[in-house]
C-alpha atoms as a PDB file:
ATOM      1  CA  MET A   1       0.000   0.000   0.000  1.00  0.00           C
ATOM      2  CA  ILE A   2       1.398   3.398  -0.985  1.00  0.00           C
ATOM      3  CA  PRO A   3       1.695   5.651   2.094  1.00  0.00           C
ATOM      4  CA  PRO A   4      -0.200   8.957   1.838  1.00  0.00           C
ATOM      5  CA  ILE A   5       1.799  12.026   0.893  1.00  0.00           C
ATOM      6  CA  PRO A   6       2.097  14.268   3.953  1.00  0.00           C
ATOM      7  CA  ALA A   7       0.478  17.671   3.639  1.00  0.00           C
ATOM      8  CA  PRO A   8       2.993  20.506   3.377  1.00  0.00           C
ATOM      9  CA  GLU A   9       3.565  22.592   6.454  1.00  0.00           C
ATOM     10  CA  ILE A  10       2.364  26.176   6.234  1.00  0.00           C
ATOM     11  CA  GLU A  11       4.186  28.948   8.017  1.00  0.00           C
ATOM     12  CA  SER A  12       1.887  31.796   9.010  1.00  0.00           C
ATOM     13  CA  PRO A  13       2.985  35.391   8.491  1.00  0.00           C
ATOM     14  CA  THR A  14       3.080  38.040  11.177  1.00  0.00           C
ATOM     15  CA  PRO A  15      -0.508  38.740  12.317  1.00  0.00           C
ATOM     16  CA  VAL A  16      -2.064  41.781  10.640  1.00  0.00           C
ATOM     17  CA  PRO A  17      -2.913  44.530  13.157  1.00  0.00           C
ATOM     18  CA  PRO A  18      -6.631  45.206  13.675  1.00  0.00           C
ATOM     19  CA  PRO A  19      -8.108  47.925  11.445  1.00  0.00           C
ATOM     20  CA  LEU A  20      -8.008  51.448  12.759  1.00  0.00           C
ATOM     21  CA  ILE A  21     -11.005  53.746  13.190  1.00  0.00           C
ATOM     22  CA  PRO A  22     -12.973  54.545  11.059  1.00  0.00           C
ATOM     23  CA  GLN A  23     -14.027  51.086   9.921  1.00  0.00           C
ATOM     24  CA  ASP A  24     -16.864  52.061   7.588  1.00  0.00           C
ATOM     25  CA  PRO A  25     -15.638  51.632   3.950  1.00  0.00           C
ATOM     26  CA  ALA A  26     -17.183  54.919   2.804  1.00  0.00           C
ATOM     27  CA  GLU A  27     -15.468  56.859   5.596  1.00  0.00           C
ATOM     28  CA  ILE A  28     -12.161  55.118   4.877  1.00  0.00           C
ATOM     29  CA  LEU A  29     -12.345  55.954   1.154  1.00  0.00           C
ATOM     30  CA  ASP A  30     -13.037  59.622   1.964  1.00  0.00           C
ATOM     31  CA  HIS A  31      -9.386  59.877   3.029  1.00  0.00           C
ATOM     32  CA  LEU A  32      -7.931  58.027   0.023  1.00  0.00           C
ATOM     33  CA  PRO A  33      -7.651  60.807  -2.645  1.00  0.00           C
ATOM     34  CA  LYS A  34      -5.716  63.057  -0.280  1.00  0.00           C
ATOM     35  CA  ARG A  35      -3.344  60.235   0.683  1.00  0.00           C
ATOM     36  CA  ILE A  36      -2.789  59.394  -2.979  1.00  0.00           C
ATOM     37  CA  ARG A  37      -1.841  62.999  -3.723  1.00  0.00           C
ATOM     38  CA  LEU A  38       0.610  62.943  -0.813  1.00  0.00           C
ATOM     39  CA  VAL A  39       2.283  59.786  -2.149  1.00  0.00           C
ATOM     40  CA  GLN A  40       2.467  61.231  -5.654  1.00  0.00           C
ATOM     41  CA  ALA A  41       3.967  64.485  -4.370  1.00  0.00           C
ATOM     42  CA  GLU A  42       6.519  62.617  -2.273  1.00  0.00           C
ATOM     43  CA  VAL A  43       7.694  60.437  -5.192  1.00  0.00           C
ATOM     44  CA  ALA A  44       7.800  63.543  -7.443  1.00  0.00           C
ATOM     45  CA  LYS A  45      10.572  64.929  -5.215  1.00  0.00           C
ATOM     46  CA  VAL A  46      13.003  62.505  -6.859  1.00  0.00           C
ATOM     47  CA  VAL A  47      11.208  61.150  -9.961  1.00  0.00           C
ATOM     48  CA  VAL A  48      10.158  63.793 -12.469  1.00  0.00           C
ATOM     49  CA  GLY A  49       7.295  63.410 -14.939  1.00  0.00           C
ATOM     50  CA  GLN A  50       6.075  59.900 -14.092  1.00  0.00           C
ATOM     51  CA  GLU A  51       2.811  60.791 -12.353  1.00  0.00           C
ATOM     52  CA  GLN A  52       0.656  58.381 -14.363  1.00  0.00           C
ATOM     53  CA  THR A  53       3.065  55.517 -13.700  1.00  0.00           C
ATOM     54  CA  VAL A  54       2.922  56.220  -9.959  1.00  0.00           C
ATOM     55  CA  PHE A  55      -0.876  56.277 -10.045  1.00  0.00           C
ATOM     56  CA  ALA A  56      -0.971  52.986 -11.985  1.00  0.00           C
ATOM     57  CA  ALA A  57       1.425  51.331  -9.513  1.00  0.00           C
ATOM     58  CA  LEU A  58      -0.836  52.434  -6.644  1.00  0.00           C
ATOM     59  CA  TYR A  59      -3.900  51.070  -8.457  1.00  0.00           C
ATOM     60  CA  ALA A  60      -2.064  47.737  -8.751  1.00  0.00           C
ATOM     61  CA  LEU A  61      -1.071  47.816  -5.074  1.00  0.00           C
ATOM     62  CA  PHE A  62      -4.685  48.350  -4.003  1.00  0.00           C
ATOM     63  CA  SER A  63      -5.924  45.713  -6.492  1.00  0.00           C
ATOM     64  CA  ARG A  64      -3.534  42.960  -5.330  1.00  0.00           C
ATOM     65  CA  GLY A  65      -1.869  43.085  -8.757  1.00  0.00           C
ATOM     66  CA  HIS A  66       1.614  43.399 -10.257  1.00  0.00           C
ATOM     67  CA  CYS A  67       3.159  45.667 -12.889  1.00  0.00           C
ATOM     68  CA  LEU A  68       5.511  45.123 -15.830  1.00  0.00           C
ATOM     69  CA  LEU A  69       7.487  48.295 -16.574  1.00  0.00           C
ATOM     70  CA  VAL A  70       8.842  48.493 -20.117  1.00  0.00           C
ATOM     71  CA  GLY A  71      11.395  51.145 -21.008  1.00  0.00           C
ATOM     72  CA  VAL A  72      14.985  51.711 -22.089  1.00  0.00           C
ATOM     73  CA  PRO A  73      17.707  52.009 -19.431  1.00  0.00           C
ATOM     74  CA  GLY A  74      18.128  55.315 -17.662  1.00  0.00           C
ATOM     75  CA  LEU A  75      14.460  56.309 -17.292  1.00  0.00           C
ATOM     76  CA  ALA A  76      14.448  55.946 -13.473  1.00  0.00           C
ATOM     77  CA  LYS A  77      12.391  52.751 -13.333  1.00  0.00           C
ATOM     78  CA  THR A  78      14.393  51.397 -10.388  1.00  0.00           C
ATOM     79  CA  LEU A  79      14.370  54.753  -8.601  1.00  0.00           C
ATOM     80  CA  LEU A  80      10.618  55.065  -9.109  1.00  0.00           C
ATOM     81  CA  VAL A  81       9.910  51.669  -7.529  1.00  0.00           C
ATOM     82  CA  HIS A  82      12.277  52.298  -4.601  1.00  0.00           C
ATOM     83  CA  SER A  83      10.809  55.761  -4.047  1.00  0.00           C
ATOM     84  CA  LEU A  84       7.274  54.380  -4.040  1.00  0.00           C
ATOM     85  CA  ALA A  85       8.226  51.745  -1.463  1.00  0.00           C
ATOM     86  CA  ARG A  86       9.788  54.448   0.720  1.00  0.00           C
ATOM     87  CA  ALA A  87       6.722  56.695   0.425  1.00  0.00           C
ATOM     88  CA  VAL A  88       4.300  53.944   1.489  1.00  0.00           C
ATOM     89  CA  GLU A  89       6.691  52.592   4.138  1.00  0.00           C
ATOM     90  CA  LEU A  90       6.905  49.035   2.823  1.00  0.00           C
ATOM     91  CA  PRO A  91       9.980  46.750   2.808  1.00  0.00           C
ATOM     92  CA  PHE A  92      11.765  46.799  -0.555  1.00  0.00           C
ATOM     93  CA  SER A  93      13.965  44.216  -2.294  1.00  0.00           C
ATOM     94  CA  ARG A  94      15.616  44.208  -5.694  1.00  0.00           C
ATOM     95  CA  ILE A  95      16.552  41.150  -7.741  1.00  0.00           C
ATOM     96  CA  GLN A  96      18.839  41.703 -10.720  1.00  0.00           C
ATOM     97  CA  PHE A  97      17.910  38.937 -13.140  1.00  0.00           C
ATOM     98  CA  THR A  98      20.889  37.419 -14.956  1.00  0.00           C
ATOM     99  CA  PRO A  99      21.376  34.248 -17.065  1.00  0.00           C
ATOM    100  CA  ASP A 100      23.034  32.424 -14.146  1.00  0.00           C
ATOM    101  CA  LEU A 101      20.387  33.283 -11.531  1.00  0.00           C
ATOM    102  CA  MET A 102      18.859  30.194  -9.914  1.00  0.00           C
ATOM    103  CA  PRO A 103      15.346  29.778  -8.441  1.00  0.00           C
ATOM    104  CA  SER A 104      16.803  29.347  -4.953  1.00  0.00           C
ATOM    105  CA  ASP A 105      18.476  32.756  -5.320  1.00  0.00           C
ATOM    106  CA  ILE A 106      14.943  34.199  -5.360  1.00  0.00           C
ATOM    107  CA  THR A 107      13.001  32.000  -2.977  1.00  0.00           C
ATOM    108  CA  GLY A 108      15.757  31.060  -0.549  1.00  0.00           C
ATOM    109  CA  THR A 109      17.125  27.657   0.419  1.00  0.00           C
ATOM    110  CA  GLU A 110      17.690  25.374   3.379  1.00  0.00           C
ATOM    111  CA  ILE A 111      21.167  25.409   4.879  1.00  0.00           C
ATOM    112  CA  LEU A 112      22.747  23.045   7.363  1.00  0.00           C
ATOM    113  CA  GLU A 113      23.351  24.862  10.625  1.00  0.00           C
ATOM    114  CA  GLU A 114      25.326  23.557  13.600  1.00  0.00           C
ATOM    115  CA  ASP A 115      24.727  24.534  17.199  1.00  0.00           C
ATOM    116  CA  ALA A 116      28.179  25.449  18.559  1.00  0.00           C
ATOM    117  CA  SER A 117      27.308  24.460  22.129  1.00  0.00           C
ATOM    118  CA  THR A 118      25.720  21.051  21.455  1.00  0.00           C
ATOM    119  CA  GLY A 119      27.131  20.129  18.054  1.00  0.00           C
ATOM    120  CA  HIS A 120      23.602  19.340  16.905  1.00  0.00           C
ATOM    121  CA  ARG A 121      22.955  20.002  13.214  1.00  0.00           C
ATOM    122  CA  LYS A 122      19.682  20.939  11.583  1.00  0.00           C
ATOM    123  CA  PHE A 123      18.404  22.426   8.344  1.00  0.00           C
ATOM    124  CA  VAL A 124      17.326  26.051   8.618  1.00  0.00           C
ATOM    125  CA  PHE A 125      15.490  27.928   5.882  1.00  0.00           C
ATOM    126  CA  SER A 126      17.326  31.041   4.734  1.00  0.00           C
ATOM    127  CA  ARG A 127      14.806  33.399   3.146  1.00  0.00           C
ATOM    128  CA  GLY A 128      15.449  34.869  -0.267  1.00  0.00           C
ATOM    129  CA  PRO A 129      14.730  38.404  -1.485  1.00  0.00           C
ATOM    130  CA  VAL A 130      11.163  37.465  -2.494  1.00  0.00           C
ATOM    131  CA  PHE A 131      10.245  37.757   1.186  1.00  0.00           C
ATOM    132  CA  THR A 132       9.463  41.436   1.033  1.00  0.00           C
ATOM    133  CA  GLN A 133       6.447  43.568   0.164  1.00  0.00           C
ATOM    134  CA  VAL A 134       7.663  45.644  -2.789  1.00  0.00           C
ATOM    135  CA  LEU A 135       9.815  43.483  -5.066  1.00  0.00           C
ATOM    136  CA  LEU A 136      11.679  44.951  -8.033  1.00  0.00           C
ATOM    137  CA  ALA A 137      12.391  42.198 -10.581  1.00  0.00           C
ATOM    138  CA  ASP A 138      14.961  44.060 -12.675  1.00  0.00           C
ATOM    139  CA  GLU A 139      15.295  42.926 -16.318  1.00  0.00           C
ATOM    140  CA  ILE A 140      13.123  39.884 -15.720  1.00  0.00           C
ATOM    141  CA  ASN A 141      13.617  38.683 -19.305  1.00  0.00           C
ATOM    142  CA  ARG A 142      17.376  38.262 -18.740  1.00  0.00           C
ATOM    143  CA  THR A 143      16.993  34.990 -16.842  1.00  0.00           C
ATOM    144  CA  PRO A 144      15.959  31.515 -18.103  1.00  0.00           C
ATOM    145  CA  PRO A 145      12.335  30.322 -17.822  1.00  0.00           C
ATOM    146  CA  LYS A 146      13.140  28.039 -14.880  1.00  0.00           C
ATOM    147  CA  THR A 147      14.097  31.043 -12.770  1.00  0.00           C
ATOM    148  CA  GLN A 148      11.306  33.232 -14.143  1.00  0.00           C
ATOM    149  CA  ALA A 149       8.852  30.549 -13.043  1.00  0.00           C
ATOM    150  CA  ALA A 150      10.124  30.810  -9.463  1.00  0.00           C
ATOM    151  CA  LEU A 151       8.123  34.029  -9.217  1.00  0.00           C
ATOM    152  CA  LEU A 152       4.857  32.521 -10.462  1.00  0.00           C
ATOM    153  CA  GLU A 153       3.757  31.002  -7.152  1.00  0.00           C
ATOM    154  CA  ALA A 154       4.701  34.150  -5.251  1.00  0.00           C
ATOM    155  CA  MET A 155       2.803  36.392  -7.676  1.00  0.00           C
ATOM    156  CA  GLN A 156      -0.356  34.304  -7.871  1.00  0.00           C
ATOM    157  CA  GLU A 157      -0.623  32.474  -4.540  1.00  0.00           C
ATOM    158  CA  LYS A 158       1.462  34.851  -2.363  1.00  0.00           C
ATOM    159  CA  THR A 159       3.340  31.804  -1.063  1.00  0.00           C
ATOM    160  CA  VAL A 160       6.755  30.170  -1.512  1.00  0.00           C
ATOM    161  CA  THR A 161       7.244  26.388  -1.331  1.00  0.00           C
ATOM    162  CA  VAL A 162      10.667  25.038  -0.364  1.00  0.00           C
ATOM    163  CA  ALA A 163      11.396  21.423   0.636  1.00  0.00           C
ATOM    164  CA  GLY A 164       7.704  20.645   1.033  1.00  0.00           C
ATOM    165  CA  LYS A 165       7.011  23.552   3.370  1.00  0.00           C
ATOM    166  CA  ILE A 166       4.833  26.498   2.376  1.00  0.00           C
ATOM    167  CA  TYR A 167       5.824  29.988   3.528  1.00  0.00           C
ATOM    168  CA  ARG A 168       3.265  32.771   3.238  1.00  0.00           C
ATOM    169  CA  LEU A 169       4.364  36.189   2.072  1.00  0.00           C
ATOM    170  CA  GLU A 170       3.446  39.308   3.996  1.00  0.00           C
ATOM    171  CA  GLU A 171       0.578  41.376   2.625  1.00  0.00           C
ATOM    172  CA  PRO A 172       0.500  43.613   0.741  1.00  0.00           C
ATOM    173  CA  PHE A 173       2.865  42.094  -1.813  1.00  0.00           C
ATOM    174  CA  ILE A 174       3.544  43.575  -5.240  1.00  0.00           C
ATOM    175  CA  VAL A 175       6.050  42.677  -7.958  1.00  0.00           C
ATOM    176  CA  LEU A 176       7.210  45.441 -10.278  1.00  0.00           C
ATOM    177  CA  ALA A 177       9.263  43.875 -13.060  1.00  0.00           C
ATOM    178  CA  THR A 178      11.257  45.782 -15.688  1.00  0.00           C
ATOM    179  CA  GLN A 179      12.093  44.977 -19.302  1.00  0.00           C
ATOM    180  CA  ASN A 180      14.272  46.656 -21.906  1.00  0.00           C
ATOM    181  CA  PRO A 181      12.216  46.787 -25.141  1.00  0.00           C
ATOM    182  CA  ILE A 182      15.091  47.328 -27.578  1.00  0.00           C
ATOM    183  CA  GLU A 183      17.781  44.803 -26.657  1.00  0.00           C
ATOM    184  CA  GLN A 184      16.573  41.250 -27.298  1.00  0.00           C
ATOM    185  CA  GLU A 185      19.866  39.382 -27.731  1.00  0.00           C
ATOM    186  CA  GLY A 186      20.453  36.919 -24.904  1.00  0.00           C
ATOM    187  CA  THR A 187      16.977  37.375 -23.429  1.00  0.00           C
ATOM    188  CA  TYR A 188      14.195  34.944 -22.582  1.00  0.00           C
ATOM    189  CA  PRO A 189      10.777  36.423 -23.396  1.00  0.00           C
ATOM    190  CA  LEU A 190       8.224  35.862 -20.662  1.00  0.00           C
ATOM    191  CA  PRO A 191       5.702  33.136 -21.533  1.00  0.00           C
ATOM    192  CA  GLU A 192       2.111  34.256 -22.011  1.00  0.00           C
ATOM    193  CA  ALA A 193       1.040  32.466 -18.832  1.00  0.00           C
ATOM    194  CA  GLN A 194       3.388  34.606 -16.766  1.00  0.00           C
ATOM    195  CA  LEU A 195       2.609  37.810 -18.653  1.00  0.00           C
ATOM    196  CA  ASP A 196      -1.050  37.204 -17.801  1.00  0.00           C
ATOM    197  CA  ARG A 197      -0.146  37.376 -14.091  1.00  0.00           C
ATOM    198  CA  PHE A 198       0.754  41.057 -14.454  1.00  0.00           C
ATOM    199  CA  LEU A 199      -2.168  43.383 -13.938  1.00  0.00           C
ATOM    200  CA  PHE A 200      -0.603  46.221 -15.971  1.00  0.00           C
ATOM    201  CA  GLU A 201       2.066  46.695 -18.587  1.00  0.00           C
ATOM    202  CA  LEU A 202       3.335  50.253 -18.166  1.00  0.00           C
ATOM    203  CA  LEU A 203       5.334  51.925 -20.932  1.00  0.00           C
ATOM    204  CA  ILE A 204       8.000  54.278 -19.598  1.00  0.00           C
ATOM    205  CA  ASP A 205       8.856  56.898 -22.229  1.00  0.00           C
ATOM    206  CA  TYR A 206      11.509  59.609 -22.471  1.00  0.00           C
ATOM    207  CA  PRO A 207      10.779  62.730 -20.391  1.00  0.00           C
ATOM    208  CA  SER A 208       9.673  65.996 -21.948  1.00  0.00           C
ATOM    209  CA  LEU A 209      12.191  68.805 -22.469  1.00  0.00           C
ATOM    210  CA  GLN A 210      11.151  70.640 -19.305  1.00  0.00           C
ATOM    211  CA  HIS A 211      11.054  67.482 -17.207  1.00  0.00           C
ATOM    212  CA  GLU A 212      14.555  66.538 -18.358  1.00  0.00           C
ATOM    213  CA  ARG A 213      15.827  69.997 -17.450  1.00  0.00           C
ATOM    214  CA  ASP A 214      14.252  69.674 -14.014  1.00  0.00           C
ATOM    215  CA  LEU A 215      15.760  66.277 -13.289  1.00  0.00           C
ATOM    216  CA  VAL A 216      19.212  67.441 -14.390  1.00  0.00           C
ATOM    217  CA  GLU A 217      18.987  70.505 -12.137  1.00  0.00           C
ATOM    218  CA  GLN A 218      17.867  68.542  -9.069  1.00  0.00           C
ATOM    219  CA  HIS A 219      20.252  65.595  -9.545  1.00  0.00           C
ATOM    220  CA  SER A 220      21.424  64.054  -6.293  1.00  0.00           C
ATOM    221  CA  PHE A 221      23.616  61.069  -5.444  1.00  0.00           C
ATOM    222  CA  THR A 222      21.354  60.292  -2.456  1.00  0.00           C
ATOM    223  CA  PRO A 223      17.861  61.071  -3.775  1.00  0.00           C
ATOM    224  CA  LEU A 224      16.010  58.770  -1.382  1.00  0.00           C
ATOM    225  CA  ASP A 225      17.147  60.857   1.576  1.00  0.00           C
ATOM    226  CA  LYS A 226      14.570  63.452   0.510  1.00  0.00           C
ATOM    227  CA  LEU A 227      11.655  61.060   1.019  1.00  0.00           C
ATOM    228  CA  SER A 228       9.488  60.489   4.065  1.00  0.00           C
ATOM    229  CA  PRO A 229       6.738  57.883   4.544  1.00  0.00           C
ATOM    230  CA  VAL A 230       3.263  59.334   3.974  1.00  0.00           C
ATOM    231  CA  MET A 231       1.233  56.105   4.072  1.00  0.00           C
ATOM    232  CA  SER A 232       1.558  53.045   6.295  1.00  0.00           C
ATOM    233  CA  ARG A 233       1.029  49.335   5.718  1.00  0.00           C
ATOM    234  CA  GLU A 234      -2.050  49.369   7.954  1.00  0.00           C
ATOM    235  CA  GLU A 235      -3.587  52.169   5.887  1.00  0.00           C
ATOM    236  CA  ILE A 236      -2.882  50.311   2.633  1.00  0.00           C
ATOM    237  CA  LEU A 237      -4.633  47.187   3.931  1.00  0.00           C
ATOM    238  CA  ARG A 238      -7.633  49.235   5.095  1.00  0.00           C
ATOM    239  CA  PHE A 239      -7.861  51.086   1.777  1.00  0.00           C
ATOM    240  CA  ARG A 240      -7.494  47.829  -0.148  1.00  0.00           C
ATOM    241  CA  ASP A 241     -10.349  46.142   1.719  1.00  0.00           C
ATOM    242  CA  ALA A 242     -12.583  49.181   1.298  1.00  0.00           C
ATOM    243  CA  ILE A 243     -11.820  49.455  -2.433  1.00  0.00           C
ATOM    244  CA  ALA A 244     -12.861  45.819  -2.928  1.00  0.00           C
ATOM    245  CA  GLN A 245     -16.393  46.852  -1.922  1.00  0.00           C
ATOM    246  CA  VAL A 246     -16.730  49.648  -4.511  1.00  0.00           C
ATOM    247  CA  PRO A 247     -19.685  48.655  -6.715  1.00  0.00           C
ATOM    248  CA  ALA A 248     -19.672  48.295 -10.494  1.00  0.00           C
ATOM    249  CA  ALA A 249     -23.027  48.708 -12.246  1.00  0.00           C
ATOM    250  CA  PRO A 250     -24.202  45.949 -14.638  1.00  0.00           C
ATOM    251  CA  ASN A 251     -23.711  48.217 -17.665  1.00  0.00           C
ATOM    252  CA  VAL A 252     -20.051  48.804 -16.664  1.00  0.00           C
ATOM    253  CA  VAL A 253     -19.415  45.082 -16.239  1.00  0.00           C
ATOM    254  CA  ASP A 254     -21.116  44.479 -19.585  1.00  0.00           C
ATOM    255  CA  TYR A 255     -18.874  47.079 -21.266  1.00  0.00           C
ATOM    256  CA  ALA A 256     -15.718  45.478 -19.835  1.00  0.00           C
ATOM    257  CA  VAL A 257     -16.776  42.008 -20.982  1.00  0.00           C
ATOM    258  CA  ARG A 258     -17.759  43.171 -24.463  1.00  0.00           C
ATOM    259  CA  LEU A 259     -14.476  45.055 -24.843  1.00  0.00           C
ATOM    260  CA  VAL A 260     -12.400  42.005 -23.941  1.00  0.00           C
ATOM    261  CA  ARG A 261     -14.452  39.611 -26.080  1.00  0.00           C
ATOM    262  CA  ALA A 262     -13.954  41.944 -29.043  1.00  0.00           C
ATOM    263  CA  THR A 263     -10.192  41.269 -28.826  1.00  0.00           C
ATOM    264  CA  ARG A 264     -10.683  37.568 -29.680  1.00  0.00           C
ATOM    265  CA  PRO A 265     -10.565  36.879 -33.425  1.00  0.00           C
ATOM    266  CA  ASN A 266     -12.798  33.793 -33.150  1.00  0.00           C
ATOM    267  CA  ASP A 267     -15.568  35.659 -31.297  1.00  0.00           C
ATOM    268  CA  ALA A 268     -18.673  36.696 -33.205  1.00  0.00           C
ATOM    269  CA  SER A 269     -18.408  40.259 -31.880  1.00  0.00           C
ATOM    270  CA  ALA A 270     -14.802  40.741 -33.098  1.00  0.00           C
ATOM    271  CA  PRO A 271     -14.413  43.338 -35.879  1.00  0.00           C
ATOM    272  CA  ASP A 272     -12.800  42.318 -39.159  1.00  0.00           C
ATOM    273  CA  TYR A 273      -9.552  44.106 -38.341  1.00  0.00           C
ATOM    274  CA  ILE A 274      -9.206  42.073 -35.133  1.00  0.00           C
ATOM    275  CA  LYS A 275      -9.492  38.858 -37.162  1.00  0.00           C
ATOM    276  CA  ARG A 276      -6.786  40.214 -39.468  1.00  0.00           C
ATOM    277  CA  TRP A 277      -4.388  41.727 -36.923  1.00  0.00           C
ATOM    278  CA  ILE A 278      -4.768  39.553 -33.793  1.00  0.00           C
ATOM    279  CA  ARG A 279      -3.928  35.854 -33.430  1.00  0.00           C
ATOM    280  CA  TRP A 280      -4.984  35.474 -29.779  1.00  0.00           C
ATOM    281  CA  GLY A 281      -7.097  37.849 -27.719  1.00  0.00           C
ATOM    282  CA  ALA A 282      -7.326  38.538 -23.996  1.00  0.00           C
ATOM    283  CA  SER A 283      -8.579  35.939 -21.513  1.00  0.00           C
ATOM    284  CA  PRO A 284     -11.445  36.362 -19.011  1.00  0.00           C
ATOM    285  CA  ARG A 285      -8.831  37.435 -16.466  1.00  0.00           C
ATOM    286  CA  ALA A 286      -8.615  40.702 -18.413  1.00  0.00           C
ATOM    287  CA  SER A 287     -12.358  41.243 -17.951  1.00  0.00           C
ATOM    288  CA  GLN A 288     -11.970  40.715 -14.223  1.00  0.00           C
ATOM    289  CA  TYR A 289      -8.967  43.010 -13.996  1.00  0.00           C
ATOM    290  CA  LEU A 290     -10.753  45.834 -15.819  1.00  0.00           C
ATOM    291  CA  ILE A 291     -13.332  45.942 -13.037  1.00  0.00           C
ATOM    292  CA  VAL A 292     -10.931  45.217 -10.163  1.00  0.00           C
ATOM    293  CA  ALA A 293      -8.503  47.948 -11.241  1.00  0.00           C
ATOM    294  CA  GLY A 294     -11.442  50.198 -12.137  1.00  0.00           C
ATOM    295  CA  ARG A 295     -12.529  50.079  -8.498  1.00  0.00           C
ATOM    296  CA  ALA A 296      -9.087  51.303  -7.419  1.00  0.00           C
ATOM    297  CA  ARG A 297      -9.034  54.097  -9.994  1.00  0.00           C
ATOM    298  CA  ALA A 298     -12.517  55.283  -9.074  1.00  0.00           C
ATOM    299  CA  ALA A 299     -11.754  55.275  -5.348  1.00  0.00           C
ATOM    300  CA  CYS A 300      -8.444  57.099  -5.812  1.00  0.00           C
ATOM    301  CA  GLU A 301     -10.307  59.812  -7.718  1.00  0.00           C
ATOM    302  CA  GLY A 302     -12.887  60.169  -4.957  1.00  0.00           C
ATOM    303  CA  ARG A 303     -15.749  58.276  -6.601  1.00  0.00           C
ATOM    304  CA  PHE A 304     -17.739  55.456  -5.040  1.00  0.00           C
ATOM    305  CA  ASN A 305     -18.638  53.489  -8.154  1.00  0.00           C
ATOM    306  CA  VAL A 306     -16.817  52.226 -11.244  1.00  0.00           C
ATOM    307  CA  ALA A 307     -17.579  54.080 -14.492  1.00  0.00           C
ATOM    308  CA  CYS A 308     -17.101  53.081 -18.118  1.00  0.00           C
ATOM    309  CA  GLU A 309     -14.461  55.817 -18.270  1.00  0.00           C
ATOM    310  CA  ASP A 310     -12.367  53.869 -15.736  1.00  0.00           C
ATOM    311  CA  VAL A 311     -12.558  50.744 -17.888  1.00  0.00           C
ATOM    312  CA  ALA A 312     -11.601  52.663 -21.029  1.00  0.00           C
ATOM    313  CA  ALA A 313      -8.702  54.459 -19.301  1.00  0.00           C
ATOM    314  CA  LEU A 314      -7.227  51.219 -17.961  1.00  0.00           C
ATOM    315  CA  ALA A 315      -7.843  49.084 -21.067  1.00  0.00           C
ATOM    316  CA  PRO A 316      -4.466  49.801 -22.760  1.00  0.00           C
ATOM    317  CA  LEU A 317      -2.564  48.946 -19.557  1.00  0.00           C
ATOM    318  CA  ILE A 318      -4.449  45.674 -19.098  1.00  0.00           C
ATOM    319  CA  LEU A 319      -4.838  44.507 -22.711  1.00  0.00           C
ATOM    320  CA  ARG A 320      -1.545  45.413 -24.408  1.00  0.00           C
ATOM    321  CA  HIS A 321       0.369  42.397 -23.052  1.00  0.00           C
ATOM    322  CA  ARG A 322      -2.560  40.010 -23.470  1.00  0.00           C
ATOM    323  CA  MET A 323      -3.123  40.423 -27.212  1.00  0.00           C
ATOM    324  CA  ILE A 324      -0.845  38.569 -29.623  1.00  0.00           C
ATOM    325  CA  ARG A 325      -0.581  40.284 -32.996  1.00  0.00           C
ATOM    326  CA  SER A 326      -0.504  38.466 -36.308  1.00  0.00           C
ATOM    327  CA  PHE A 327       2.146  38.708 -39.025  1.00  0.00           C
ATOM    328  CA  GLN A 328      -0.311  40.841 -40.965  1.00  0.00           C
ATOM    329  CA  ALA A 329      -0.335  43.435 -38.174  1.00  0.00           C
ATOM    330  CA  ASP A 330       3.471  43.510 -38.204  1.00  0.00           C
ATOM    331  CA  ALA A 331       3.489  43.893 -41.985  1.00  0.00           C
ATOM    332  CA  GLU A 332       1.047  46.801 -41.802  1.00  0.00           C
ATOM    333  CA  GLY A 333       2.910  48.408 -38.904  1.00  0.00           C
ATOM    334  CA  LYS A 334      -0.022  48.200 -36.484  1.00  0.00           C
ATOM    335  CA  SER A 335       0.961  48.342 -32.809  1.00  0.00           C
ATOM    336  CA  THR A 336      -1.115  46.759 -30.073  1.00  0.00           C
ATOM    337  CA  ASP A 337      -1.917  50.185 -28.615  1.00  0.00           C
ATOM    338  CA  GLU A 338      -3.235  51.377 -31.978  1.00  0.00           C
ATOM    339  CA  ILE A 339      -5.504  48.335 -32.212  1.00  0.00           C
ATOM    340  CA  ILE A 340      -6.776  48.893 -28.656  1.00  0.00           C
ATOM    341  CA  ALA A 341      -7.444  52.576 -29.411  1.00  0.00           C
ATOM    342  CA  LYS A 342      -9.478  51.566 -32.464  1.00  0.00           C
ATOM    343  CA  LEU A 343     -11.471  49.112 -30.352  1.00  0.00           C
ATOM    344  CA  LEU A 344     -12.193  51.752 -27.718  1.00  0.00           C
ATOM    345  CA  GLU A 345     -13.609  54.016 -30.409  1.00  0.00           C
ATOM    346  CA  GLU A 346     -15.901  51.339 -31.820  1.00  0.00           C
ATOM    347  CA  VAL A 347     -17.131  49.320 -28.813  1.00  0.00           C
ATOM    348  CA  ALA A 348     -20.209  51.104 -27.475  1.00  0.00           C
ATOM    349  CA  ARG A 349     -20.247  52.106 -23.814  1.00  0.00           C
END
């Protein structure tokens, strides 16, 4: 008889403190827009001209999601993530992904430890950098798929499994991964299954002329010294729970579903250009994320219900990495963002 497989042990995280007063979701959300402006102003002390990226990262934080930041080197992606972690007073870790990085370098590993007084030896788990709350996965496409996959469980389940034991990650937990869009030699593109785990794909562009002048004038070798925490972990958890209760009317849910279904070339509602330019459309997870992130956007703007405008504003961030273009789209020079913009014009709200 085959013996039963023992259930993995689960290590519990540090208990979450009880919510502070007020506890009513509406009263809690009354304070959110002001706190968001404080965070944005604090990050703007060291990162110039990335307001929309900061807002999107906060939407992801409140929506239990993750962000993929795409931009060439030197656009302050790392500084932005570190500054955001400092402003919201959350632990920060950075992993520089390289071709020789191993999964255990991310998750941690068990090491043999000897008690000097008794000589007794035992295996002790040494935690890796994933045990944090704001994780910067720098150049995530530089490491092989085996190591990329080490993040999948942490991103989706908020747990890490090592030697049959499950370790829970502290909440909130957000991964902000970066990619260089121009250099593809020696890289390992993320598989679609892992791309789908990212709530947003954020495009980081060059700054405007005035913004570049400003950042040159205020350059500092210790920029993070200017920052002070303006939001706590307890506040984030309270805001996150309150945002989850923001309602979305049936017509808004219907708009989100119709928009996502229109991206699928085999769907009856898909326009002809989608059938020509798109090989695979977005999954139902995109429909869910449009509403989930829409709740965060509405609450951060001081509104207590999701609007179609929230869905439309967030659609490029949620859909651009979930739609696979065809060779015809490449031949005609059609970008994913252009296709999404055309859809937003044609799908009725």
